[in-house]
Amino acid sequence: MTEETPGFEEKPDVPSGATSDDAEPKDATPSEEEAAAPAGDANETTALTAQLDQARSALNERTGDLQRLQAEYQNYRRRVERDRVTVKEIAVANLLSELLPVLDDVGRAREHGELVGGFKSVAESLETVVAKLGLQQFGKEGEPFDPTVHEALMHSYAPDVTETTCVAILQPGYRIGERTIRPARVAVAEPQPGAAPAAAKEEKADDEESGGGEEV
C-alpha cells in the first residue's frame, strides 16, 4: 500500500515541452486581421460600385454618340436622295428643253394638216415618250393672263373681256410637275379704257329694272 504524503496534491501529467500557460484556454477576443476583414469588404464593395457607375456613364455616352451618328446618317441619306432627285429632274428638264422646238414643229404641222404618213407615227411616238418623262403642255385661249406662266407677246383691247385675258396662244407652254421649263407665249387683250366692268353693268341694269331709287 502506498502511503500518501500529507500536504501534496497530485497534478495531471503535462506533456514535455508544454507549459502551464498552453494548457489554459485562450481568450475569445478576435485578432486584428479578423476585425479588419469587414472593413476591407466594405471598401471593396464601394470600389466596385464606383467602377459600375463609371461603366454606366461611359455606356450612356457611347449610346448618345451612336444615336447622334445614326441621326446624322439618316439626314445624310435623305439629303443624298433629295439631291439625286433634283439632279435627275434638272437633267430631264434640260433634255426636254432641247426637244421643244421639235414639238413646236410637230404642232404647226398638225395645225396645217401636214402630219401624215410615217412622220405622223414618229411625231406621236415622240409625244408619247416626252409625256412619260413628265412633260405637260399648258396654255389655252380665254384663260386669265398669269405673268408667272404666260409671256405676253401681243397686246390689245377688247370690249368683251373683264380682265387681262389670253386671246391667242402663239406658243404653248411646257412644265414638268411644278417646274415651268417654258412659259406659254400668248396674245393678251385688256378691257377698253373707261369701260365699266360687266358686273357693274349688270348691277346697274338690275337697279333700273327694279325701278331705281324713290322719287323725292
N, C-alpha and C. Protein backbone atom coordinates (compact mmCIF):
# COMPACT_ATOMS: atom_id res chain seq x y z
N MET A 1 0.87 -1.18 0.00
CA MET A 1 0.00 0.00 0.00
C MET A 1 0.89 1.20 0.00
N THR A 2 0.49 2.14 -0.86
CA THR A 2 1.34 3.35 -0.98
C THR A 2 0.86 4.37 0.00
N GLU A 3 1.77 4.98 0.56
CA GLU A 3 1.40 6.00 1.54
C GLU A 3 1.34 7.35 0.85
N GLU A 4 0.27 8.11 1.16
CA GLU A 4 0.11 9.46 0.59
C GLU A 4 0.80 10.43 1.51
N THR A 5 1.57 11.24 0.88
CA THR A 5 2.31 12.26 1.66
C THR A 5 1.40 13.40 1.94
N PRO A 6 1.22 13.75 3.18
CA PRO A 6 0.30 14.85 3.51
C PRO A 6 0.84 16.16 2.96
N GLY A 7 -0.10 17.05 2.51
CA GLY A 7 0.28 18.39 2.03
C GLY A 7 0.61 18.45 0.58
N PHE A 8 0.57 17.42 -0.13
CA PHE A 8 0.86 17.41 -1.59
C PHE A 8 -0.33 16.87 -2.32
N GLU A 9 -0.67 17.54 -3.43
CA GLU A 9 -1.76 17.11 -4.30
C GLU A 9 -1.18 16.61 -5.60
N GLU A 10 -1.82 15.66 -6.09
CA GLU A 10 -1.35 15.12 -7.38
C GLU A 10 -1.76 16.04 -8.51
N LYS A 11 -0.90 16.33 -9.45
CA LYS A 11 -1.15 17.14 -10.64
C LYS A 11 -1.19 16.26 -11.86
N PRO A 12 -2.01 16.65 -12.78
CA PRO A 12 -2.07 15.82 -14.01
C PRO A 12 -0.77 15.89 -14.75
N ASP A 13 -0.53 14.85 -15.48
CA ASP A 13 0.70 14.80 -16.28
C ASP A 13 0.67 15.84 -17.37
N VAL A 14 1.73 16.56 -17.56
CA VAL A 14 1.86 17.61 -18.59
C VAL A 14 2.86 17.13 -19.61
N PRO A 15 2.49 17.19 -20.88
CA PRO A 15 3.45 16.72 -21.89
C PRO A 15 4.70 17.54 -21.83
N SER A 16 5.77 16.88 -22.25
CA SER A 16 7.05 17.56 -22.24
C SER A 16 7.05 18.66 -23.26
N GLY A 17 7.65 19.79 -22.98
CA GLY A 17 7.71 20.95 -23.88
C GLY A 17 6.54 21.84 -23.76
N ALA A 18 5.53 21.49 -23.03
CA ALA A 18 4.34 22.33 -22.86
C ALA A 18 4.40 22.99 -21.53
N THR A 19 3.89 24.16 -21.44
CA THR A 19 3.86 24.91 -20.19
C THR A 19 2.45 24.96 -19.69
N SER A 20 2.36 25.48 -18.55
CA SER A 20 1.03 25.55 -17.95
C SER A 20 0.16 26.57 -18.65
N ASP A 21 0.81 27.54 -19.23
CA ASP A 21 0.03 28.56 -19.97
C ASP A 21 -0.64 27.97 -21.18
N ASP A 22 0.05 26.97 -21.81
CA ASP A 22 -0.54 26.35 -23.01
C ASP A 22 -1.78 25.56 -22.64
N ALA A 23 -1.80 25.08 -21.47
CA ALA A 23 -2.94 24.27 -21.08
C ALA A 23 -4.15 25.12 -20.78
N GLU A 24 -3.95 26.46 -20.50
CA GLU A 24 -5.08 27.32 -20.18
C GLU A 24 -5.79 27.73 -21.46
N PRO A 25 -7.12 27.90 -21.48
CA PRO A 25 -7.85 28.30 -22.70
C PRO A 25 -7.52 29.73 -23.08
N LYS A 26 -7.50 29.98 -24.39
CA LYS A 26 -7.18 31.32 -24.91
C LYS A 26 -8.41 32.20 -24.84
N ASP A 27 -8.15 33.50 -24.86
CA ASP A 27 -9.25 34.47 -24.84
C ASP A 27 -10.01 34.44 -26.16
N ALA A 28 -11.31 34.74 -26.18
CA ALA A 28 -12.15 34.73 -27.38
C ALA A 28 -12.09 36.04 -28.13
N THR A 29 -11.19 36.98 -27.79
CA THR A 29 -11.08 38.27 -28.47
C THR A 29 -10.57 38.07 -29.88
N PRO A 30 -11.28 38.64 -30.95
CA PRO A 30 -10.83 38.44 -32.34
C PRO A 30 -9.51 39.12 -32.57
N SER A 31 -8.76 38.58 -33.51
CA SER A 31 -7.47 39.16 -33.85
C SER A 31 -7.66 40.41 -34.70
N GLU A 32 -6.60 41.17 -34.97
CA GLU A 32 -6.66 42.40 -35.78
C GLU A 32 -7.04 42.08 -37.22
N GLU A 33 -6.57 40.93 -37.77
CA GLU A 33 -6.92 40.56 -39.15
C GLU A 33 -8.40 40.29 -39.27
N GLU A 34 -8.95 39.58 -38.25
CA GLU A 34 -10.38 39.26 -38.30
C GLU A 34 -11.22 40.52 -38.15
N ALA A 35 -10.76 41.49 -37.35
CA ALA A 35 -11.50 42.73 -37.18
C ALA A 35 -11.44 43.59 -38.43
N ALA A 36 -10.33 43.51 -39.17
CA ALA A 36 -10.15 44.34 -40.36
C ALA A 36 -10.86 43.76 -41.57
N ALA A 37 -11.29 42.48 -41.53
CA ALA A 37 -11.91 41.85 -42.69
C ALA A 37 -13.20 42.53 -43.11
N PRO A 38 -14.17 42.81 -42.21
CA PRO A 38 -15.39 43.50 -42.65
C PRO A 38 -15.12 44.86 -43.26
N ALA A 39 -14.19 45.60 -42.70
CA ALA A 39 -13.86 46.91 -43.26
C ALA A 39 -13.29 46.77 -44.66
N GLY A 40 -12.48 45.75 -44.90
CA GLY A 40 -11.93 45.51 -46.24
C GLY A 40 -13.02 45.17 -47.24
N ASP A 41 -14.00 44.36 -46.83
CA ASP A 41 -15.11 44.02 -47.72
C ASP A 41 -15.92 45.27 -48.08
N ALA A 42 -16.14 46.16 -47.15
CA ALA A 42 -16.89 47.38 -47.42
C ALA A 42 -16.16 48.26 -48.42
N ASN A 43 -14.84 48.39 -48.26
CA ASN A 43 -14.05 49.20 -49.19
C ASN A 43 -14.09 48.61 -50.60
N GLU A 44 -14.03 47.28 -50.66
CA GLU A 44 -14.07 46.63 -51.99
C GLU A 44 -15.43 46.84 -52.65
N THR A 45 -16.51 46.76 -51.88
CA THR A 45 -17.86 47.00 -52.43
C THR A 45 -17.99 48.43 -52.95
N THR A 46 -17.46 49.38 -52.19
CA THR A 46 -17.51 50.78 -52.63
C THR A 46 -16.75 50.98 -53.93
N ALA A 47 -15.59 50.34 -54.04
CA ALA A 47 -14.79 50.46 -55.26
C ALA A 47 -15.52 49.86 -56.45
N LEU A 48 -16.15 48.70 -56.23
CA LEU A 48 -16.90 48.06 -57.32
C LEU A 48 -18.09 48.91 -57.75
N THR A 49 -18.76 49.52 -56.76
CA THR A 49 -19.89 50.40 -57.08
C THR A 49 -19.44 51.59 -57.91
N ALA A 50 -18.31 52.17 -57.54
CA ALA A 50 -17.77 53.31 -58.30
C ALA A 50 -17.42 52.90 -59.72
N GLN A 51 -16.81 51.71 -59.88
CA GLN A 51 -16.48 51.23 -61.23
C GLN A 51 -17.73 50.98 -62.06
N LEU A 52 -18.78 50.45 -61.41
CA LEU A 52 -20.05 50.20 -62.11
C LEU A 52 -20.68 51.51 -62.58
N ASP A 53 -20.67 52.54 -61.71
CA ASP A 53 -21.21 53.84 -62.09
C ASP A 53 -20.42 54.44 -63.25
N GLN A 54 -19.11 54.27 -63.19
CA GLN A 54 -18.27 54.78 -64.27
C GLN A 54 -18.57 54.07 -65.59
N ALA A 55 -18.77 52.75 -65.51
CA ALA A 55 -19.09 51.98 -66.72
C ALA A 55 -20.45 52.39 -67.28
N ARG A 56 -21.43 52.62 -66.38
CA ARG A 56 -22.75 53.07 -66.85
C ARG A 56 -22.66 54.43 -67.51
N SER A 57 -21.89 55.34 -66.93
CA SER A 57 -21.72 56.67 -67.51
C SER A 57 -21.08 56.58 -68.90
N ALA A 58 -20.07 55.73 -69.03
CA ALA A 58 -19.42 55.55 -70.33
C ALA A 58 -20.39 54.94 -71.34
N LEU A 59 -21.21 53.99 -70.88
CA LEU A 59 -22.20 53.37 -71.77
C LEU A 59 -23.22 54.40 -72.25
N ASN A 60 -23.68 55.26 -71.34
CA ASN A 60 -24.63 56.30 -71.74
C ASN A 60 -24.02 57.26 -72.76
N GLU A 61 -22.76 57.61 -72.56
CA GLU A 61 -22.10 58.50 -73.51
C GLU A 61 -21.97 57.84 -74.88
N ARG A 62 -21.58 56.56 -74.89
CA ARG A 62 -21.44 55.85 -76.18
C ARG A 62 -22.79 55.70 -76.85
N THR A 63 -23.84 55.44 -76.05
CA THR A 63 -25.18 55.32 -76.63
C THR A 63 -25.63 56.64 -77.26
N GLY A 64 -25.34 57.75 -76.56
CA GLY A 64 -25.67 59.07 -77.11
C GLY A 64 -24.91 59.34 -78.40
N ASP A 65 -23.62 58.97 -78.42
CA ASP A 65 -22.83 59.15 -79.64
C ASP A 65 -23.40 58.32 -80.79
N LEU A 66 -23.80 57.10 -80.48
CA LEU A 66 -24.36 56.24 -81.52
C LEU A 66 -25.68 56.79 -82.05
N GLN A 67 -26.52 57.32 -81.17
CA GLN A 67 -27.79 57.89 -81.61
C GLN A 67 -27.56 59.13 -82.47
N ARG A 68 -26.62 59.98 -82.09
CA ARG A 68 -26.31 61.16 -82.91
C ARG A 68 -25.76 60.75 -84.26
N LEU A 69 -24.90 59.74 -84.26
CA LEU A 69 -24.33 59.27 -85.52
C LEU A 69 -25.41 58.69 -86.42
N GLN A 70 -26.35 57.95 -85.84
CA GLN A 70 -27.44 57.38 -86.63
C GLN A 70 -28.33 58.49 -87.20
N ALA A 71 -28.61 59.53 -86.40
CA ALA A 71 -29.43 60.63 -86.89
C ALA A 71 -28.72 61.38 -88.02
N GLU A 72 -27.42 61.59 -87.88
CA GLU A 72 -26.66 62.25 -88.95
C GLU A 72 -26.67 61.41 -90.22
N TYR A 73 -26.58 60.10 -90.07
CA TYR A 73 -26.58 59.22 -91.24
C TYR A 73 -27.93 59.26 -91.95
N GLN A 74 -29.02 59.27 -91.16
CA GLN A 74 -30.35 59.36 -91.76
C GLN A 74 -30.53 60.68 -92.49
N ASN A 75 -30.05 61.77 -91.90
CA ASN A 75 -30.13 63.07 -92.58
C ASN A 75 -29.29 63.07 -93.85
N TYR A 76 -28.15 62.43 -93.78
CA TYR A 76 -27.29 62.35 -94.98
C TYR A 76 -27.98 61.57 -96.09
N ARG A 77 -28.62 60.47 -95.74
CA ARG A 77 -29.33 59.67 -96.74
C ARG A 77 -30.46 60.46 -97.38
N ARG A 78 -31.23 61.18 -96.55
CA ARG A 78 -32.32 61.99 -97.09
C ARG A 78 -31.79 63.09 -98.00
N ARG A 79 -30.68 63.72 -97.59
CA ARG A 79 -30.11 64.79 -98.39
C ARG A 79 -29.58 64.25 -99.73
N VAL A 80 -28.94 63.09 -99.69
CA VAL A 80 -28.43 62.49 -100.92
C VAL A 80 -29.59 62.11 -101.85
N GLU A 81 -30.66 61.55 -101.29
CA GLU A 81 -31.82 61.17 -102.11
C GLU A 81 -32.47 62.41 -102.71
N ARG A 82 -32.58 63.47 -101.92
CA ARG A 82 -33.17 64.71 -102.43
C ARG A 82 -32.31 65.30 -103.54
N ASP A 83 -30.99 65.29 -103.34
CA ASP A 83 -30.09 65.80 -104.38
C ASP A 83 -30.16 64.94 -105.63
N ARG A 84 -30.29 63.64 -105.44
CA ARG A 84 -30.36 62.74 -106.60
C ARG A 84 -31.61 63.02 -107.42
N VAL A 85 -32.73 63.22 -106.74
CA VAL A 85 -33.98 63.52 -107.45
C VAL A 85 -33.88 64.87 -108.16
N THR A 86 -33.27 65.86 -107.49
CA THR A 86 -33.12 67.18 -108.10
C THR A 86 -32.25 67.12 -109.34
N VAL A 87 -31.14 66.40 -109.25
CA VAL A 87 -30.25 66.27 -110.40
C VAL A 87 -30.96 65.57 -111.56
N LYS A 88 -31.75 64.55 -111.24
CA LYS A 88 -32.50 63.85 -112.28
C LYS A 88 -33.51 64.77 -112.95
N GLU A 89 -34.23 65.55 -112.14
CA GLU A 89 -35.22 66.48 -112.71
C GLU A 89 -34.54 67.52 -113.60
N ILE A 90 -33.40 68.02 -113.17
CA ILE A 90 -32.69 69.02 -113.98
C ILE A 90 -32.23 68.42 -115.29
N ALA A 91 -31.70 67.19 -115.23
CA ALA A 91 -31.23 66.53 -116.45
C ALA A 91 -32.38 66.30 -117.43
N VAL A 92 -33.52 65.84 -116.91
CA VAL A 92 -34.69 65.61 -117.77
C VAL A 92 -35.19 66.92 -118.34
N ALA A 93 -35.23 67.97 -117.51
CA ALA A 93 -35.70 69.27 -117.98
C ALA A 93 -34.79 69.81 -119.08
N ASN A 94 -33.49 69.65 -118.92
CA ASN A 94 -32.56 70.12 -119.95
C ASN A 94 -32.75 69.36 -121.26
N LEU A 95 -32.96 68.05 -121.15
CA LEU A 95 -33.17 67.25 -122.36
C LEU A 95 -34.46 67.66 -123.06
N LEU A 96 -35.54 67.81 -122.30
CA LEU A 96 -36.82 68.17 -122.91
C LEU A 96 -36.80 69.59 -123.46
N SER A 97 -36.02 70.46 -122.85
CA SER A 97 -35.91 71.82 -123.38
C SER A 97 -35.32 71.81 -124.78
N GLU A 98 -34.41 70.91 -125.02
CA GLU A 98 -33.82 70.81 -126.36
C GLU A 98 -34.81 70.26 -127.38
N LEU A 99 -35.83 69.54 -126.89
CA LEU A 99 -36.81 68.95 -127.80
C LEU A 99 -38.01 69.86 -128.06
N LEU A 100 -38.12 70.98 -127.35
CA LEU A 100 -39.27 71.85 -127.51
C LEU A 100 -39.41 72.39 -128.94
N PRO A 101 -38.33 72.82 -129.60
CA PRO A 101 -38.50 73.27 -130.99
C PRO A 101 -39.06 72.17 -131.90
N VAL A 102 -38.67 70.92 -131.67
CA VAL A 102 -39.21 69.82 -132.47
C VAL A 102 -40.70 69.66 -132.21
N LEU A 103 -41.10 69.76 -130.93
CA LEU A 103 -42.52 69.66 -130.60
C LEU A 103 -43.32 70.82 -131.20
N ASP A 104 -42.70 72.01 -131.26
CA ASP A 104 -43.37 73.14 -131.90
C ASP A 104 -43.61 72.86 -133.38
N ASP A 105 -42.60 72.29 -134.04
CA ASP A 105 -42.76 71.94 -135.46
C ASP A 105 -43.86 70.91 -135.65
N VAL A 106 -43.92 69.94 -134.74
CA VAL A 106 -44.97 68.92 -134.82
C VAL A 106 -46.35 69.57 -134.67
N GLY A 107 -46.46 70.52 -133.73
CA GLY A 107 -47.74 71.19 -133.52
C GLY A 107 -48.16 72.01 -134.73
N ARG A 108 -47.23 72.73 -135.35
CA ARG A 108 -47.56 73.52 -136.54
C ARG A 108 -47.95 72.61 -137.70
N ALA A 109 -47.23 71.49 -137.85
CA ALA A 109 -47.58 70.55 -138.92
C ALA A 109 -48.97 69.97 -138.71
N ARG A 110 -49.34 69.72 -137.45
CA ARG A 110 -50.69 69.20 -137.17
C ARG A 110 -51.76 70.24 -137.51
N GLU A 111 -51.47 71.51 -137.18
CA GLU A 111 -52.44 72.57 -137.46
C GLU A 111 -52.67 72.74 -138.96
N HIS A 112 -51.63 72.52 -139.76
CA HIS A 112 -51.73 72.71 -141.22
C HIS A 112 -52.08 71.41 -141.95
N GLY A 113 -52.37 70.35 -141.20
CA GLY A 113 -52.74 69.10 -141.84
C GLY A 113 -51.61 68.38 -142.52
N GLU A 114 -50.38 68.66 -142.13
CA GLU A 114 -49.21 68.03 -142.75
C GLU A 114 -48.68 66.85 -141.96
N LEU A 115 -49.35 66.51 -140.86
CA LEU A 115 -48.87 65.41 -140.02
C LEU A 115 -49.49 64.11 -140.53
N VAL A 116 -48.84 63.53 -141.54
CA VAL A 116 -49.38 62.33 -142.18
C VAL A 116 -48.26 61.31 -142.37
N GLY A 117 -48.67 60.06 -142.68
CA GLY A 117 -47.72 59.01 -143.01
C GLY A 117 -46.77 58.67 -141.88
N GLY A 118 -45.52 58.37 -142.28
CA GLY A 118 -44.51 57.99 -141.31
C GLY A 118 -44.15 59.12 -140.37
N PHE A 119 -44.21 60.35 -140.86
CA PHE A 119 -43.92 61.49 -139.99
C PHE A 119 -44.90 61.56 -138.83
N LYS A 120 -46.17 61.22 -139.10
CA LYS A 120 -47.17 61.23 -138.04
C LYS A 120 -46.85 60.19 -136.97
N SER A 121 -46.44 58.99 -137.40
CA SER A 121 -46.10 57.94 -136.43
C SER A 121 -44.91 58.35 -135.57
N VAL A 122 -43.89 58.95 -136.20
CA VAL A 122 -42.71 59.38 -135.44
C VAL A 122 -43.09 60.49 -134.45
N ALA A 123 -43.92 61.43 -134.91
CA ALA A 123 -44.32 62.54 -134.04
C ALA A 123 -45.12 62.04 -132.85
N GLU A 124 -46.04 61.13 -133.08
CA GLU A 124 -46.84 60.60 -131.97
C GLU A 124 -45.99 59.81 -131.00
N SER A 125 -45.01 59.07 -131.52
CA SER A 125 -44.10 58.33 -130.62
C SER A 125 -43.29 59.29 -129.77
N LEU A 126 -42.83 60.39 -130.38
CA LEU A 126 -42.06 61.39 -129.63
C LEU A 126 -42.92 62.02 -128.53
N GLU A 127 -44.15 62.36 -128.87
CA GLU A 127 -45.05 62.96 -127.88
C GLU A 127 -45.34 61.98 -126.74
N THR A 128 -45.45 60.70 -127.05
CA THR A 128 -45.69 59.70 -126.01
C THR A 128 -44.50 59.59 -125.06
N VAL A 129 -43.30 59.61 -125.63
CA VAL A 129 -42.09 59.49 -124.81
C VAL A 129 -41.94 60.68 -123.87
N VAL A 130 -42.11 61.90 -124.40
CA VAL A 130 -41.92 63.08 -123.55
C VAL A 130 -43.03 63.16 -122.49
N ALA A 131 -44.22 62.64 -122.80
CA ALA A 131 -45.28 62.61 -121.79
C ALA A 131 -44.91 61.65 -120.67
N LYS A 132 -44.30 60.52 -120.99
CA LYS A 132 -43.86 59.58 -119.95
C LYS A 132 -42.79 60.19 -119.06
N LEU A 133 -42.00 61.10 -119.64
CA LEU A 133 -40.96 61.77 -118.85
C LEU A 133 -41.54 62.90 -117.99
N GLY A 134 -42.84 63.12 -118.08
CA GLY A 134 -43.49 64.11 -117.22
C GLY A 134 -43.74 65.45 -117.86
N LEU A 135 -43.49 65.59 -119.17
CA LEU A 135 -43.71 66.87 -119.84
C LEU A 135 -45.20 67.11 -120.05
N GLN A 136 -45.66 68.30 -119.65
CA GLN A 136 -47.07 68.66 -119.78
C GLN A 136 -47.17 69.98 -120.54
N GLN A 137 -48.11 70.03 -121.47
CA GLN A 137 -48.35 71.25 -122.23
C GLN A 137 -49.47 72.05 -121.58
N PHE A 138 -49.35 73.37 -121.58
CA PHE A 138 -50.40 74.21 -121.00
C PHE A 138 -50.52 75.49 -121.82
N GLY A 139 -51.62 76.17 -121.61
CA GLY A 139 -51.92 77.41 -122.32
C GLY A 139 -53.14 77.23 -123.20
N LYS A 140 -54.24 77.93 -122.86
CA LYS A 140 -55.48 77.84 -123.64
C LYS A 140 -56.05 79.24 -123.84
N GLU A 141 -56.70 79.43 -124.97
CA GLU A 141 -57.36 80.70 -125.24
C GLU A 141 -58.51 80.91 -124.26
N GLY A 142 -58.63 82.14 -123.79
CA GLY A 142 -59.71 82.50 -122.89
C GLY A 142 -59.37 82.42 -121.42
N GLU A 143 -58.21 81.89 -121.07
CA GLU A 143 -57.85 81.82 -119.65
C GLU A 143 -57.23 83.14 -119.21
N PRO A 144 -57.38 83.49 -117.93
CA PRO A 144 -56.80 84.74 -117.44
C PRO A 144 -55.28 84.75 -117.60
N PHE A 145 -54.75 85.93 -117.87
CA PHE A 145 -53.31 86.07 -118.03
C PHE A 145 -52.63 85.98 -116.67
N ASP A 146 -51.62 85.11 -116.59
CA ASP A 146 -50.84 84.91 -115.36
C ASP A 146 -49.37 85.13 -115.71
N PRO A 147 -48.78 86.22 -115.24
CA PRO A 147 -47.39 86.50 -115.64
C PRO A 147 -46.39 85.46 -115.17
N THR A 148 -46.77 84.60 -114.23
CA THR A 148 -45.83 83.58 -113.76
C THR A 148 -45.72 82.40 -114.74
N VAL A 149 -46.74 82.22 -115.60
CA VAL A 149 -46.71 81.10 -116.54
C VAL A 149 -46.96 81.55 -117.98
N HIS A 150 -47.29 82.82 -118.18
CA HIS A 150 -47.55 83.35 -119.52
C HIS A 150 -46.52 84.43 -119.86
N GLU A 151 -46.21 84.52 -121.14
CA GLU A 151 -45.37 85.58 -121.65
C GLU A 151 -46.15 86.29 -122.76
N ALA A 152 -46.50 87.56 -122.51
CA ALA A 152 -47.32 88.31 -123.46
C ALA A 152 -46.44 88.86 -124.58
N LEU A 153 -46.74 88.46 -125.82
CA LEU A 153 -46.01 88.96 -126.98
C LEU A 153 -46.82 89.99 -127.77
N MET A 154 -48.13 89.97 -127.59
CA MET A 154 -49.01 90.91 -128.28
C MET A 154 -50.04 91.44 -127.28
N HIS A 155 -50.43 92.68 -127.48
CA HIS A 155 -51.36 93.32 -126.55
C HIS A 155 -52.42 94.08 -127.33
N SER A 156 -53.66 94.02 -126.85
CA SER A 156 -54.75 94.74 -127.49
C SER A 156 -55.85 94.98 -126.45
N TYR A 157 -56.91 95.71 -126.90
CA TYR A 157 -58.07 95.97 -126.04
C TYR A 157 -59.29 95.30 -126.67
N ALA A 158 -60.18 94.82 -125.82
CA ALA A 158 -61.38 94.16 -126.31
C ALA A 158 -62.54 94.54 -125.42
N PRO A 159 -63.72 94.80 -126.01
CA PRO A 159 -64.87 95.20 -125.18
C PRO A 159 -65.53 94.04 -124.46
N ASP A 160 -65.21 92.82 -124.86
CA ASP A 160 -65.91 91.67 -124.28
C ASP A 160 -65.11 90.95 -123.20
N VAL A 161 -64.05 91.57 -122.68
CA VAL A 161 -63.27 90.95 -121.60
C VAL A 161 -63.35 91.84 -120.37
N THR A 162 -63.34 91.23 -119.23
CA THR A 162 -63.41 91.96 -117.96
C THR A 162 -62.07 92.01 -117.23
N GLU A 163 -61.11 91.27 -117.73
CA GLU A 163 -59.76 91.25 -117.16
C GLU A 163 -58.78 90.90 -118.26
N THR A 164 -57.50 91.05 -117.96
CA THR A 164 -56.49 90.71 -118.96
C THR A 164 -56.57 89.23 -119.27
N THR A 165 -56.81 88.91 -120.54
CA THR A 165 -57.13 87.55 -120.94
C THR A 165 -56.25 87.12 -122.11
N CYS A 166 -55.90 85.85 -122.12
CA CYS A 166 -55.15 85.28 -123.24
C CYS A 166 -56.15 85.02 -124.39
N VAL A 167 -55.98 85.75 -125.48
CA VAL A 167 -56.90 85.59 -126.60
C VAL A 167 -56.30 84.74 -127.71
N ALA A 168 -55.01 84.46 -127.65
CA ALA A 168 -54.37 83.62 -128.67
C ALA A 168 -53.12 83.00 -128.06
N ILE A 169 -52.89 81.74 -128.38
CA ILE A 169 -51.70 81.02 -127.91
C ILE A 169 -50.73 80.96 -129.07
N LEU A 170 -49.67 81.74 -129.00
CA LEU A 170 -48.68 81.76 -130.06
C LEU A 170 -47.72 80.57 -129.96
N GLN A 171 -47.36 80.21 -128.76
CA GLN A 171 -46.55 79.01 -128.49
C GLN A 171 -47.03 78.42 -127.18
N PRO A 172 -47.32 77.13 -127.14
CA PRO A 172 -47.77 76.55 -125.86
C PRO A 172 -46.64 76.53 -124.84
N GLY A 173 -47.02 76.55 -123.58
CA GLY A 173 -46.04 76.42 -122.52
C GLY A 173 -45.87 74.96 -122.12
N TYR A 174 -44.75 74.68 -121.45
CA TYR A 174 -44.47 73.31 -121.01
C TYR A 174 -43.96 73.35 -119.59
N ARG A 175 -44.35 72.33 -118.83
CA ARG A 175 -43.90 72.19 -117.45
C ARG A 175 -43.63 70.73 -117.15
N ILE A 176 -42.81 70.51 -116.10
CA ILE A 176 -42.58 69.18 -115.54
C ILE A 176 -42.95 69.26 -114.07
N GLY A 177 -44.07 68.66 -113.71
CA GLY A 177 -44.54 68.79 -112.34
C GLY A 177 -44.88 70.24 -112.06
N GLU A 178 -44.23 70.84 -111.06
CA GLU A 178 -44.44 72.25 -110.73
C GLU A 178 -43.39 73.14 -111.36
N ARG A 179 -42.46 72.58 -112.10
CA ARG A 179 -41.37 73.35 -112.71
C ARG A 179 -41.77 73.76 -114.13
N THR A 180 -41.81 75.05 -114.39
CA THR A 180 -42.11 75.56 -115.73
C THR A 180 -40.80 75.66 -116.51
N ILE A 181 -40.73 74.93 -117.62
CA ILE A 181 -39.50 74.98 -118.42
C ILE A 181 -39.63 75.95 -119.60
N ARG A 182 -40.88 76.33 -119.93
CA ARG A 182 -41.08 77.41 -120.89
C ARG A 182 -42.48 77.99 -120.70
N PRO A 183 -42.59 79.31 -120.52
CA PRO A 183 -43.92 79.90 -120.36
C PRO A 183 -44.68 79.86 -121.69
N ALA A 184 -45.99 79.92 -121.57
CA ALA A 184 -46.81 79.98 -122.78
C ALA A 184 -46.72 81.40 -123.35
N ARG A 185 -46.42 81.49 -124.63
CA ARG A 185 -46.30 82.79 -125.29
C ARG A 185 -47.65 83.11 -125.93
N VAL A 186 -48.23 84.24 -125.49
CA VAL A 186 -49.63 84.50 -125.81
C VAL A 186 -49.83 85.93 -126.28
N ALA A 187 -51.00 86.14 -126.89
CA ALA A 187 -51.51 87.48 -127.17
C ALA A 187 -52.60 87.76 -126.15
N VAL A 188 -52.55 88.95 -125.55
CA VAL A 188 -53.50 89.27 -124.49
C VAL A 188 -54.37 90.45 -124.91
N ALA A 189 -55.52 90.51 -124.29
CA ALA A 189 -56.44 91.63 -124.50
C ALA A 189 -56.91 92.13 -123.15
N GLU A 190 -57.02 93.45 -123.03
CA GLU A 190 -57.49 94.09 -121.81
C GLU A 190 -58.83 94.77 -122.06
N PRO A 191 -59.59 95.04 -121.03
CA PRO A 191 -60.85 95.77 -121.21
C PRO A 191 -60.59 97.17 -121.79
N GLN A 192 -61.57 97.72 -122.50
CA GLN A 192 -61.44 99.05 -123.07
C GLN A 192 -61.26 100.09 -121.96
N PRO A 193 -60.33 101.02 -122.13
CA PRO A 193 -60.15 102.05 -121.10
C PRO A 193 -61.44 102.82 -120.86
N GLY A 194 -61.81 102.98 -119.60
CA GLY A 194 -63.00 103.71 -119.23
C GLY A 194 -64.26 102.89 -119.29
N ALA A 195 -64.18 101.64 -119.75
CA ALA A 195 -65.37 100.80 -119.82
C ALA A 195 -65.70 100.28 -118.44
N ALA A 196 -66.96 100.29 -118.08
CA ALA A 196 -67.37 99.78 -116.77
C ALA A 196 -67.29 98.27 -116.78
N PRO A 197 -66.89 97.67 -115.69
CA PRO A 197 -66.86 96.21 -115.62
C PRO A 197 -68.24 95.62 -115.88
N ALA A 198 -68.26 94.43 -116.44
CA ALA A 198 -69.52 93.78 -116.77
C ALA A 198 -70.39 93.58 -115.53
N ALA A 199 -69.79 93.27 -114.40
CA ALA A 199 -70.56 93.06 -113.18
C ALA A 199 -71.27 94.34 -112.77
N ALA A 200 -70.56 95.48 -112.94
CA ALA A 200 -71.18 96.76 -112.59
C ALA A 200 -72.33 97.08 -113.53
N LYS A 201 -72.17 96.75 -114.84
CA LYS A 201 -73.24 96.98 -115.80
C LYS A 201 -74.47 96.16 -115.45
N GLU A 202 -74.26 94.90 -115.09
CA GLU A 202 -75.39 94.04 -114.74
C GLU A 202 -76.10 94.55 -113.49
N GLU A 203 -75.32 95.03 -112.52
CA GLU A 203 -75.94 95.55 -111.29
C GLU A 203 -76.75 96.80 -111.60
N LYS A 204 -76.22 97.67 -112.49
CA LYS A 204 -76.95 98.88 -112.86
C LYS A 204 -78.24 98.55 -113.60
N ALA A 205 -78.15 97.54 -114.48
CA ALA A 205 -79.34 97.13 -115.22
C ALA A 205 -80.40 96.58 -114.27
N ASP A 206 -79.97 95.83 -113.28
CA ASP A 206 -80.92 95.28 -112.30
C ASP A 206 -81.60 96.40 -111.53
N ASP A 207 -80.83 97.45 -111.18
CA ASP A 207 -81.41 98.57 -110.45
C ASP A 207 -82.45 99.30 -111.29
N GLU A 208 -82.14 99.45 -112.59
CA GLU A 208 -83.09 100.14 -113.47
C GLU A 208 -84.37 99.34 -113.63
N GLU A 209 -84.25 98.00 -113.73
CA GLU A 209 -85.42 97.15 -113.87
C GLU A 209 -86.28 97.19 -112.62
N SER A 210 -85.67 97.31 -111.46
CA SER A 210 -86.43 97.34 -110.21
C SER A 210 -87.05 98.69 -109.92
N GLY A 211 -86.83 99.67 -110.79
CA GLY A 211 -87.46 100.98 -110.61
C GLY A 211 -86.54 102.03 -110.07
N GLY A 212 -85.29 101.67 -109.81
CA GLY A 212 -84.31 102.63 -109.34
C GLY A 212 -84.66 103.12 -107.94
N GLY A 213 -84.21 104.32 -107.59
CA GLY A 213 -84.46 104.87 -106.27
C GLY A 213 -85.83 105.54 -106.19
N GLU A 214 -86.25 105.89 -105.02
CA GLU A 214 -87.53 106.56 -104.79
C GLU A 214 -87.45 108.02 -105.24
N GLU A 215 -88.50 108.51 -105.88
CA GLU A 215 -88.54 109.90 -106.31
C GLU A 215 -88.86 110.79 -105.10
N VAL A 216 -88.20 111.94 -105.04
CA VAL A 216 -88.45 112.88 -103.96
C VAL A 216 -89.44 113.94 -104.43
